[in-house]
Amino acid sequence: MIKLNSMTDIRPTIKAQMNTSSPSYRPPQRGKPPLLSLFALWLLTLLINLWTPLLGQAQDKSATITTANSSNVVIADDPSVVTIPDANLKQRLASAVGKNSADDLYNTDLLGITRLYTWHDNIQDLTGIEHCLNLTDLELHGNPITNFSGLSQLSKLETLKLDHLGHSSESPLDIQNLVDQLDELENLTRLELDSNYNSLTDISPMAALTNLTFLNLSSNYSLTKVSSMLPALT
């Protein structure tokens, strides 16, 4: 056992060990990163750059995109820019196809959308939606729509939901011009036009919708004798 009488007993030894002027002293060397580690870091960065845009599109669950290889879809031969006057509708469609609202939207872009759901996006004009010819499901909840132009051309629609369109009993929505177009949508199986406080009085055009299995017309207080207007649905 070694007994130390004071700190002076060990200081010379410590000083000798830390004497950097000694010929035998060598400062610690940091090793270079292995080549394999650099390659792994480069590969990880590349994968992040590739996958980030795809993940951003995948987060948009309100639209479903189909491809030209899908069965029974409309395909455009010549791309052309589509005019969409309603800025909110354009933004929603652009987001659905992975574009920015400032980008041009082509008919080939819109043909890729098969399902579109919007909630309270303040959409008022549907002009341009007629180019979404492969739409099968369309839900426009809580949008104060006044122009339904183009809906009649969406012949593949199976589900159409236009409820709570932002109007009140003091300012009812005149939805009759929409109903007058519905006879063209022969593939509709589900139709919801509820809670719009509208002035709908004639639903006889719906008689052509012989594939309907679900119809919701609640809160259309002017409607009477629905069964006589739609005998095929009763």
C-alpha atoms as a PDB file:
ATOM      1  CA  MET A   1       0.000   0.000   0.000  1.00  0.00           C
ATOM      2  CA  ILE A   2       1.326   3.478  -0.962  1.00  0.00           C
ATOM      3  CA  LYS A   3       0.711   6.341   1.355  1.00  0.00           C
ATOM      4  CA  LEU A   4       0.543   9.866  -0.084  1.00  0.00           C
ATOM      5  CA  ASN A   5       1.559  12.584   2.323  1.00  0.00           C
ATOM      6  CA  SER A   6       0.475  15.507   0.169  1.00  0.00           C
ATOM      7  CA  MET A   7      -0.566  16.493  -3.326  1.00  0.00           C
ATOM      8  CA  THR A   8       3.062  17.351  -4.079  1.00  0.00           C
ATOM      9  CA  ASP A   9       3.776  13.633  -4.186  1.00  0.00           C
ATOM     10  CA  ILE A  10       1.713  13.130  -7.384  1.00  0.00           C
ATOM     11  CA  ARG A  11       1.970  16.478  -9.229  1.00  0.00           C
ATOM     12  CA  PRO A  12       5.383  15.752 -10.846  1.00  0.00           C
ATOM     13  CA  THR A  13       4.008  12.484 -12.215  1.00  0.00           C
ATOM     14  CA  ILE A  14       0.867  14.132 -13.653  1.00  0.00           C
ATOM     15  CA  LYS A  15       2.944  16.922 -15.194  1.00  0.00           C
ATOM     16  CA  ALA A  16       5.251  14.402 -16.798  1.00  0.00           C
ATOM     17  CA  GLN A  17       2.344  12.522 -18.290  1.00  0.00           C
ATOM     18  CA  MET A  18       0.849  15.706 -19.805  1.00  0.00           C
ATOM     19  CA  ASN A  19       4.129  17.198 -21.048  1.00  0.00           C
ATOM     20  CA  THR A  20       3.308  17.866 -24.704  1.00  0.00           C
ATOM     21  CA  SER A  21       6.874  19.015 -25.449  1.00  0.00           C
ATOM     22  CA  SER A  22       8.223  15.549 -24.866  1.00  0.00           C
ATOM     23  CA  PRO A  23       9.509  13.878 -28.080  1.00  0.00           C
ATOM     24  CA  SER A  24       7.401  10.837 -27.326  1.00  0.00           C
ATOM     25  CA  TYR A  25       4.102  12.776 -27.041  1.00  0.00           C
ATOM     26  CA  ARG A  26       1.571  12.331 -29.807  1.00  0.00           C
ATOM     27  CA  PRO A  27      -1.740  14.243 -29.805  1.00  0.00           C
ATOM     28  CA  PRO A  28      -4.833  12.037 -30.083  1.00  0.00           C
ATOM     29  CA  GLN A  29      -5.885  11.383 -33.678  1.00  0.00           C
ATOM     30  CA  ARG A  30      -9.504  11.306 -34.788  1.00  0.00           C
ATOM     31  CA  GLY A  31     -10.179   8.538 -37.214  1.00  0.00           C
ATOM     32  CA  LYS A  32     -11.707   9.366 -40.620  1.00  0.00           C
ATOM     33  CA  PRO A  33     -15.316   8.247 -41.151  1.00  0.00           C
ATOM     34  CA  PRO A  34     -15.383   4.821 -42.772  1.00  0.00           C
ATOM     35  CA  LEU A  35     -16.322   4.891 -46.471  1.00  0.00           C
ATOM     36  CA  LEU A  36     -19.241   2.586 -45.768  1.00  0.00           C
ATOM     37  CA  SER A  37     -20.742   5.084 -43.277  1.00  0.00           C
ATOM     38  CA  LEU A  38     -20.545   7.907 -45.826  1.00  0.00           C
ATOM     39  CA  PHE A  39     -22.287   5.756 -48.418  1.00  0.00           C
ATOM     40  CA  ALA A  40     -25.041   4.814 -45.953  1.00  0.00           C
ATOM     41  CA  LEU A  41     -25.620   8.493 -45.103  1.00  0.00           C
ATOM     42  CA  TRP A  42     -25.846   9.413 -48.814  1.00  0.00           C
ATOM     43  CA  LEU A  43     -28.278   6.576 -49.472  1.00  0.00           C
ATOM     44  CA  LEU A  44     -30.508   7.593 -46.539  1.00  0.00           C
ATOM     45  CA  THR A  45     -30.625  11.215 -47.769  1.00  0.00           C
ATOM     46  CA  LEU A  46     -31.562  10.051 -51.262  1.00  0.00           C
ATOM     47  CA  LEU A  47     -34.411   7.868 -49.971  1.00  0.00           C
ATOM     48  CA  ILE A  48     -35.816  10.707 -47.837  1.00  0.00           C
ATOM     49  CA  ASN A  49     -35.828  13.069 -50.841  1.00  0.00           C
ATOM     50  CA  LEU A  50     -37.599  10.487 -52.975  1.00  0.00           C
ATOM     51  CA  TRP A  51     -40.243   9.433 -50.468  1.00  0.00           C
ATOM     52  CA  THR A  52     -41.190  12.785 -48.898  1.00  0.00           C
ATOM     53  CA  PRO A  53     -43.368  13.990 -51.836  1.00  0.00           C
ATOM     54  CA  LEU A  54     -45.068  10.600 -52.068  1.00  0.00           C
ATOM     55  CA  LEU A  55     -45.865  10.566 -48.362  1.00  0.00           C
ATOM     56  CA  GLY A  56     -47.360  14.053 -48.653  1.00  0.00           C
ATOM     57  CA  GLN A  57     -49.741  12.862 -51.335  1.00  0.00           C
ATOM     58  CA  ALA A  58     -50.627   9.731 -49.389  1.00  0.00           C
ATOM     59  CA  GLN A  59     -51.799  11.878 -46.457  1.00  0.00           C
ATOM     60  CA  ASP A  60     -54.609  13.290 -48.598  1.00  0.00           C
ATOM     61  CA  LYS A  61     -57.226  10.672 -47.831  1.00  0.00           C
ATOM     62  CA  SER A  62     -60.095  12.680 -49.316  1.00  0.00           C
ATOM     63  CA  ALA A  63     -59.381  11.605 -52.865  1.00  0.00           C
ATOM     64  CA  THR A  64     -58.626   8.342 -54.566  1.00  0.00           C
ATOM     65  CA  ILE A  65     -56.482   8.234 -57.672  1.00  0.00           C
ATOM     66  CA  THR A  66     -56.862   5.565 -60.312  1.00  0.00           C
ATOM     67  CA  THR A  67     -54.532   4.767 -63.205  1.00  0.00           C
ATOM     68  CA  ALA A  68     -54.862   4.227 -66.930  1.00  0.00           C
ATOM     69  CA  ASN A  69     -54.473   0.502 -66.316  1.00  0.00           C
ATOM     70  CA  SER A  70     -57.629   0.331 -64.213  1.00  0.00           C
ATOM     71  CA  SER A  71     -60.592  -1.295 -65.871  1.00  0.00           C
ATOM     72  CA  ASN A  72     -63.511   0.675 -67.292  1.00  0.00           C
ATOM     73  CA  VAL A  73     -61.928   4.128 -67.091  1.00  0.00           C
ATOM     74  CA  VAL A  74     -62.016   7.052 -69.515  1.00  0.00           C
ATOM     75  CA  ILE A  75     -58.596   7.939 -70.943  1.00  0.00           C
ATOM     76  CA  ALA A  76     -57.770  11.198 -72.764  1.00  0.00           C
ATOM     77  CA  ASP A  77     -55.529  11.093 -75.812  1.00  0.00           C
ATOM     78  CA  ASP A  78     -54.585  14.789 -75.902  1.00  0.00           C
ATOM     79  CA  PRO A  79     -53.884  16.672 -72.639  1.00  0.00           C
ATOM     80  CA  SER A  80     -55.543  20.076 -72.420  1.00  0.00           C
ATOM     81  CA  VAL A  81     -55.771  22.695 -69.664  1.00  0.00           C
ATOM     82  CA  VAL A  82     -59.099  22.762 -67.812  1.00  0.00           C
ATOM     83  CA  THR A  83     -60.635  26.082 -66.733  1.00  0.00           C
ATOM     84  CA  ILE A  84     -62.006  25.968 -63.190  1.00  0.00           C
ATOM     85  CA  PRO A  85     -63.445  29.384 -62.151  1.00  0.00           C
ATOM     86  CA  ASP A  86     -63.992  28.493 -58.487  1.00  0.00           C
ATOM     87  CA  ALA A  87     -60.610  28.875 -56.759  1.00  0.00           C
ATOM     88  CA  ASN A  88     -61.615  26.616 -53.866  1.00  0.00           C
ATOM     89  CA  LEU A  89     -62.703  23.807 -56.164  1.00  0.00           C
ATOM     90  CA  LYS A  90     -59.477  24.135 -58.145  1.00  0.00           C
ATOM     91  CA  GLN A  91     -57.409  23.983 -54.967  1.00  0.00           C
ATOM     92  CA  ARG A  92     -59.244  20.849 -53.859  1.00  0.00           C
ATOM     93  CA  LEU A  93     -58.802  19.122 -57.214  1.00  0.00           C
ATOM     94  CA  ALA A  94     -55.155  20.170 -57.449  1.00  0.00           C
ATOM     95  CA  SER A  95     -54.491  18.716 -54.006  1.00  0.00           C
ATOM     96  CA  ALA A  96     -56.183  15.495 -55.047  1.00  0.00           C
ATOM     97  CA  VAL A  97     -53.735  14.996 -57.921  1.00  0.00           C
ATOM     98  CA  GLY A  98     -50.646  16.173 -56.041  1.00  0.00           C
ATOM     99  CA  LYS A  99     -50.394  19.654 -57.531  1.00  0.00           C
ATOM    100  CA  ASN A 100     -50.441  23.205 -56.191  1.00  0.00           C
ATOM    101  CA  SER A 101     -53.424  25.468 -56.754  1.00  0.00           C
ATOM    102  CA  ALA A 102     -51.300  27.741 -58.976  1.00  0.00           C
ATOM    103  CA  ASP A 103     -50.477  24.863 -61.328  1.00  0.00           C
ATOM    104  CA  ASP A 104     -52.411  24.210 -64.505  1.00  0.00           C
ATOM    105  CA  LEU A 105     -54.815  21.303 -64.261  1.00  0.00           C
ATOM    106  CA  TYR A 106     -55.161  19.105 -67.319  1.00  0.00           C
ATOM    107  CA  ASN A 107     -58.026  16.863 -68.316  1.00  0.00           C
ATOM    108  CA  THR A 108     -55.599  13.943 -67.951  1.00  0.00           C
ATOM    109  CA  ASP A 109     -55.060  14.945 -64.299  1.00  0.00           C
ATOM    110  CA  LEU A 110     -58.774  15.026 -63.522  1.00  0.00           C
ATOM    111  CA  LEU A 111     -59.431  11.695 -65.210  1.00  0.00           C
ATOM    112  CA  GLY A 112     -57.302  10.116 -62.509  1.00  0.00           C
ATOM    113  CA  ILE A 113     -59.737  10.984 -59.697  1.00  0.00           C
ATOM    114  CA  THR A 114     -62.322   8.353 -58.812  1.00  0.00           C
ATOM    115  CA  ARG A 115     -63.420   9.619 -55.380  1.00  0.00           C
ATOM    116  CA  LEU A 116     -63.602  13.167 -54.058  1.00  0.00           C
ATOM    117  CA  TYR A 117     -64.798  14.291 -50.625  1.00  0.00           C
ATOM    118  CA  THR A 118     -64.846  17.919 -49.456  1.00  0.00           C
ATOM    119  CA  TRP A 119     -66.093  19.452 -46.220  1.00  0.00           C
ATOM    120  CA  HIS A 120     -66.791  23.184 -45.761  1.00  0.00           C
ATOM    121  CA  ASP A 121     -64.338  24.307 -48.461  1.00  0.00           C
ATOM    122  CA  ASN A 122     -66.620  27.214 -49.523  1.00  0.00           C
ATOM    123  CA  ILE A 123     -67.046  25.797 -53.014  1.00  0.00           C
ATOM    124  CA  GLN A 124     -69.805  27.628 -54.894  1.00  0.00           C
ATOM    125  CA  ASP A 125     -69.306  26.769 -58.571  1.00  0.00           C
ATOM    126  CA  LEU A 126     -68.797  23.233 -59.898  1.00  0.00           C
ATOM    127  CA  THR A 127     -67.827  24.309 -63.413  1.00  0.00           C
ATOM    128  CA  GLY A 128     -64.917  22.141 -64.532  1.00  0.00           C
ATOM    129  CA  ILE A 129     -65.841  19.081 -62.506  1.00  0.00           C
ATOM    130  CA  GLU A 130     -67.349  17.585 -65.672  1.00  0.00           C
ATOM    131  CA  HIS A 131     -63.777  16.646 -66.655  1.00  0.00           C
ATOM    132  CA  CYS A 132     -63.606  14.207 -63.718  1.00  0.00           C
ATOM    133  CA  LEU A 133     -65.267  11.593 -65.888  1.00  0.00           C
ATOM    134  CA  ASN A 134     -64.070   8.642 -63.808  1.00  0.00           C
ATOM    135  CA  LEU A 135     -65.638   9.878 -60.551  1.00  0.00           C
ATOM    136  CA  THR A 136     -67.709   7.212 -58.834  1.00  0.00           C
ATOM    137  CA  ASP A 137     -68.106   8.861 -55.410  1.00  0.00           C
ATOM    138  CA  LEU A 138     -68.628  12.585 -54.865  1.00  0.00           C
ATOM    139  CA  GLU A 139     -69.376  14.188 -51.506  1.00  0.00           C
ATOM    140  CA  LEU A 140     -69.678  17.968 -51.157  1.00  0.00           C
ATOM    141  CA  HIS A 141     -70.646  18.510 -47.535  1.00  0.00           C
ATOM    142  CA  GLY A 142     -71.259  22.025 -46.237  1.00  0.00           C
ATOM    143  CA  ASN A 143     -70.355  23.910 -49.437  1.00  0.00           C
ATOM    144  CA  PRO A 144     -72.655  26.799 -50.481  1.00  0.00           C
ATOM    145  CA  ILE A 145     -72.963  25.625 -54.090  1.00  0.00           C
ATOM    146  CA  THR A 146     -75.144  27.650 -56.442  1.00  0.00           C
ATOM    147  CA  ASN A 147     -73.879  26.385 -59.807  1.00  0.00           C
ATOM    148  CA  PHE A 148     -74.136  22.623 -60.323  1.00  0.00           C
ATOM    149  CA  SER A 149     -73.073  22.782 -63.956  1.00  0.00           C
ATOM    150  CA  GLY A 150     -71.244  19.690 -65.154  1.00  0.00           C
ATOM    151  CA  LEU A 151     -72.658  17.136 -62.732  1.00  0.00           C
ATOM    152  CA  SER A 152     -74.894  15.611 -65.385  1.00  0.00           C
ATOM    153  CA  GLN A 153     -71.817  14.531 -67.369  1.00  0.00           C
ATOM    154  CA  LEU A 154     -70.428  12.396 -64.529  1.00  0.00           C
ATOM    155  CA  SER A 155     -72.141   9.266 -65.787  1.00  0.00           C
ATOM    156  CA  LYS A 156     -70.015   6.912 -63.673  1.00  0.00           C
ATOM    157  CA  LEU A 157     -71.219   8.405 -60.383  1.00  0.00           C
ATOM    158  CA  GLU A 158     -72.570   5.819 -57.977  1.00  0.00           C
ATOM    159  CA  THR A 159     -72.673   7.940 -54.814  1.00  0.00           C
ATOM    160  CA  LEU A 160     -73.609  11.633 -54.689  1.00  0.00           C
ATOM    161  CA  LYS A 161     -73.913  13.488 -51.396  1.00  0.00           C
ATOM    162  CA  LEU A 162     -74.857  17.172 -51.347  1.00  0.00           C
ATOM    163  CA  ASP A 163     -75.947  17.968 -47.803  1.00  0.00           C
ATOM    164  CA  HIS A 164     -75.721  20.953 -45.447  1.00  0.00           C
ATOM    165  CA  LEU A 165     -74.822  23.246 -48.302  1.00  0.00           C
ATOM    166  CA  GLY A 166     -74.523  26.297 -46.091  1.00  0.00           C
ATOM    167  CA  HIS A 167     -77.946  27.787 -46.698  1.00  0.00           C
ATOM    168  CA  SER A 168     -80.625  28.515 -44.118  1.00  0.00           C
ATOM    169  CA  SER A 169     -84.379  28.579 -43.989  1.00  0.00           C
ATOM    170  CA  GLU A 170     -84.187  32.387 -44.437  1.00  0.00           C
ATOM    171  CA  SER A 171     -82.123  31.950 -47.618  1.00  0.00           C
ATOM    172  CA  PRO A 172     -83.186  28.618 -49.093  1.00  0.00           C
ATOM    173  CA  LEU A 173     -81.162  26.932 -51.801  1.00  0.00           C
ATOM    174  CA  ASP A 174     -82.860  26.509 -55.139  1.00  0.00           C
ATOM    175  CA  ILE A 175     -81.681  23.007 -55.886  1.00  0.00           C
ATOM    176  CA  GLN A 176     -84.226  22.261 -58.579  1.00  0.00           C
ATOM    177  CA  ASN A 177     -81.683  22.896 -61.360  1.00  0.00           C
ATOM    178  CA  LEU A 178     -79.567  20.123 -59.858  1.00  0.00           C
ATOM    179  CA  VAL A 179     -82.427  17.650 -59.688  1.00  0.00           C
ATOM    180  CA  ASP A 180     -83.288  18.365 -63.293  1.00  0.00           C
ATOM    181  CA  GLN A 181     -79.847  16.996 -64.264  1.00  0.00           C
ATOM    182  CA  LEU A 182     -80.043  13.816 -62.237  1.00  0.00           C
ATOM    183  CA  ASP A 183     -81.808  11.724 -64.841  1.00  0.00           C
ATOM    184  CA  GLU A 184     -78.481  11.477 -66.692  1.00  0.00           C
ATOM    185  CA  LEU A 185     -76.797   9.731 -63.736  1.00  0.00           C
ATOM    186  CA  GLU A 186     -78.183   6.272 -64.345  1.00  0.00           C
ATOM    187  CA  ASN A 187     -75.501   4.517 -62.269  1.00  0.00           C
ATOM    188  CA  LEU A 188     -76.382   6.294 -59.024  1.00  0.00           C
ATOM    189  CA  THR A 189     -77.102   3.895 -56.194  1.00  0.00           C
ATOM    190  CA  ARG A 190     -76.896   6.379 -53.286  1.00  0.00           C
ATOM    191  CA  LEU A 191     -78.195   9.963 -53.325  1.00  0.00           C
ATOM    192  CA  GLU A 192     -78.314  12.341 -50.354  1.00  0.00           C
ATOM    193  CA  LEU A 193     -79.785  15.849 -50.659  1.00  0.00           C
ATOM    194  CA  ASP A 194     -80.709  16.375 -47.029  1.00  0.00           C
ATOM    195  CA  SER A 195     -80.566  19.362 -44.671  1.00  0.00           C
ATOM    196  CA  ASN A 196     -80.367  22.017 -47.381  1.00  0.00           C
ATOM    197  CA  TYR A 197     -83.545  23.967 -46.456  1.00  0.00           C
ATOM    198  CA  ASN A 198     -84.181  24.178 -50.167  1.00  0.00           C
ATOM    199  CA  SER A 199     -87.201  24.922 -52.296  1.00  0.00           C
ATOM    200  CA  LEU A 200     -87.261  21.524 -53.929  1.00  0.00           C
ATOM    201  CA  THR A 201     -90.775  20.647 -55.004  1.00  0.00           C
ATOM    202  CA  ASP A 202     -90.417  18.315 -57.970  1.00  0.00           C
ATOM    203  CA  ILE A 203     -88.316  15.167 -57.819  1.00  0.00           C
ATOM    204  CA  SER A 204     -89.908  13.386 -60.740  1.00  0.00           C
ATOM    205  CA  PRO A 205     -86.601  13.472 -62.724  1.00  0.00           C
ATOM    206  CA  MET A 206     -85.278  11.026 -60.126  1.00  0.00           C
ATOM    207  CA  ALA A 207     -87.661   8.413 -61.470  1.00  0.00           C
ATOM    208  CA  ALA A 208     -85.011   7.607 -64.076  1.00  0.00           C
ATOM    209  CA  LEU A 209     -82.590   6.542 -61.327  1.00  0.00           C
ATOM    210  CA  THR A 210     -83.719   2.951 -61.237  1.00  0.00           C
ATOM    211  CA  ASN A 211     -80.485   1.735 -59.624  1.00  0.00           C
ATOM    212  CA  LEU A 212     -80.986   3.804 -56.460  1.00  0.00           C
ATOM    213  CA  THR A 213     -80.899   1.786 -53.252  1.00  0.00           C
ATOM    214  CA  PHE A 214     -80.605   4.725 -50.810  1.00  0.00           C
ATOM    215  CA  LEU A 215     -82.243   8.151 -51.004  1.00  0.00           C
ATOM    216  CA  ASN A 216     -82.169  10.853 -48.314  1.00  0.00           C
ATOM    217  CA  LEU A 217     -84.367  13.935 -48.843  1.00  0.00           C
ATOM    218  CA  SER A 218     -84.873  14.983 -45.229  1.00  0.00           C
ATOM    219  CA  SER A 219     -85.347  18.682 -44.401  1.00  0.00           C
ATOM    220  CA  ASN A 220     -86.897  19.369 -47.793  1.00  0.00           C
ATOM    221  CA  TYR A 221     -90.086  20.676 -46.280  1.00  0.00           C
ATOM    222  CA  SER A 222     -91.822  21.615 -49.537  1.00  0.00           C
ATOM    223  CA  LEU A 223     -91.842  18.033 -50.754  1.00  0.00           C
ATOM    224  CA  THR A 224     -95.077  16.083 -50.559  1.00  0.00           C
ATOM    225  CA  LYS A 225     -96.231  12.764 -51.986  1.00  0.00           C
ATOM    226  CA  VAL A 226     -92.721  11.523 -52.637  1.00  0.00           C
ATOM    227  CA  SER A 227     -93.952   7.989 -53.201  1.00  0.00           C
ATOM    228  CA  SER A 228     -96.220   9.065 -56.059  1.00  0.00           C
ATOM    229  CA  MET A 229     -93.335  10.887 -57.744  1.00  0.00           C
ATOM    230  CA  LEU A 230     -91.003   7.927 -57.422  1.00  0.00           C
ATOM    231  CA  PRO A 231     -93.132   4.817 -57.675  1.00  0.00           C
ATOM    232  CA  ALA A 232     -90.165   2.670 -58.724  1.00  0.00           C
ATOM    233  CA  LEU A 233     -88.406   3.375 -55.432  1.00  0.00           C
ATOM    234  CA  THR A 234     -91.230   2.374 -53.137  1.00  0.00           C
END
